[in-house]
Amino acid sequence: MIVKQILAAKALPEGLITIKPEMTVADAARLLSEKRIGAVVVSEDGKRPDGILSERDIVKEVDRYINNPGQATSYMIGQIRIAQL
């Protein structure tokens, strides 16, 4: 299979999924789980991509805040170091 075929097979009916920077890590994790995706585009306006948040980004943040469990899930997406586009 070539990359184009893989991406076509994984395409979601609603198109590109985005999340706003002010959403929490818990919101992002829930979205990734519900949509069965491994990353989501972070976008303030829903049109222009500001970055990408992956499962790995979430795991790293949870690991950083493991001693303060309540903090990690309420942490805002915009506070995480995401891959800038």
Protein backbone atom coordinates (compact mmCIF):
# COMPACT_ATOMS: atom_id res chain seq x y z
CA MET A 1 0.00 0.00 0.00
CA ILE A 2 1.24 3.48 -0.77
CA VAL A 3 0.81 6.43 1.58
CA LYS A 4 -1.98 7.93 -0.53
CA GLN A 5 -4.02 4.71 -0.21
CA ILE A 6 -3.42 4.50 3.53
CA LEU A 7 -4.55 8.09 4.05
CA ALA A 8 -7.63 7.55 1.87
CA ALA A 9 -8.57 4.47 3.90
CA LYS A 10 -8.24 6.44 7.15
CA ALA A 11 -10.20 9.49 5.94
CA LEU A 12 -13.01 10.55 8.25
CA PRO A 13 -16.43 11.42 6.82
CA GLU A 14 -16.40 14.80 8.60
CA GLY A 15 -13.01 15.71 7.13
CA LEU A 16 -10.10 17.19 9.04
CA ILE A 17 -10.48 17.15 12.82
CA THR A 18 -9.21 20.22 14.69
CA ILE A 19 -9.03 21.26 18.32
CA LYS A 20 -8.61 24.75 19.80
CA PRO A 21 -5.57 25.59 21.96
CA GLU A 22 -7.78 26.37 24.97
CA MET A 23 -9.25 22.84 25.05
CA THR A 24 -7.92 20.62 27.84
CA VAL A 25 -5.70 17.59 27.51
CA ALA A 26 -8.64 15.48 28.72
CA ASP A 27 -10.79 16.91 25.89
CA ALA A 28 -8.09 16.10 23.36
CA ALA A 29 -7.58 12.56 24.67
CA ARG A 30 -11.34 11.95 24.54
CA LEU A 31 -11.50 13.26 20.95
CA LEU A 32 -8.58 11.07 19.83
CA SER A 33 -10.21 8.05 21.42
CA GLU A 34 -13.69 8.73 20.02
CA LYS A 35 -12.40 9.35 16.49
CA ARG A 36 -9.83 6.54 16.70
CA ILE A 37 -7.04 8.85 15.55
CA GLY A 38 -3.50 9.34 16.84
CA ALA A 39 -3.13 13.08 16.32
CA VAL A 40 -5.25 16.18 15.83
CA VAL A 41 -4.59 19.55 14.20
CA VAL A 42 -4.52 22.45 16.67
CA SER A 43 -6.20 25.50 15.17
CA GLU A 44 -7.44 28.70 16.78
CA ASP A 45 -9.88 29.47 13.95
CA GLY A 46 -10.59 25.95 12.65
CA LYS A 47 -9.12 26.84 9.25
CA ARG A 48 -5.43 27.69 9.64
CA PRO A 49 -3.32 25.00 11.35
CA ASP A 50 -1.23 26.19 14.29
CA GLY A 51 0.29 22.82 15.16
CA ILE A 52 -0.35 19.13 15.68
CA LEU A 53 -1.08 17.40 18.98
CA SER A 54 -0.31 13.69 19.11
CA GLU A 55 -0.96 10.93 21.61
CA ARG A 56 2.74 11.05 22.41
CA ASP A 57 2.48 14.76 23.31
CA ILE A 58 -0.32 13.92 25.76
CA VAL A 59 1.62 11.03 27.30
CA LYS A 60 4.69 13.26 27.78
CA GLU A 61 2.60 15.93 29.55
CA VAL A 62 0.88 13.40 31.79
CA ASP A 63 4.31 12.01 32.68
CA ARG A 64 5.52 15.53 33.56
CA TYR A 65 2.59 16.04 35.90
CA ILE A 66 2.31 12.54 37.34
CA ASN A 67 2.89 13.92 40.84
CA ASN A 68 -0.06 16.30 40.42
CA PRO A 69 -2.68 14.09 38.71
CA GLY A 70 -5.45 16.72 38.71
CA GLN A 71 -3.31 19.20 36.82
CA ALA A 72 -2.49 17.13 33.75
CA THR A 73 -6.04 16.60 32.53
CA SER A 74 -7.03 20.23 33.00
CA TYR A 75 -3.92 21.50 31.24
CA MET A 76 -4.76 23.54 28.13
CA ILE A 77 -3.64 22.33 24.71
CA GLY A 78 -2.03 25.72 24.02
CA GLN A 79 0.30 25.15 26.98
CA ILE A 80 1.75 21.96 25.50
CA ARG A 81 4.78 22.18 23.24
CA ILE A 82 3.16 21.01 20.00
CA ALA A 83 4.77 20.49 16.62
CA GLN A 84 4.46 23.87 14.91
CA LEU A 85 3.40 23.97 11.27
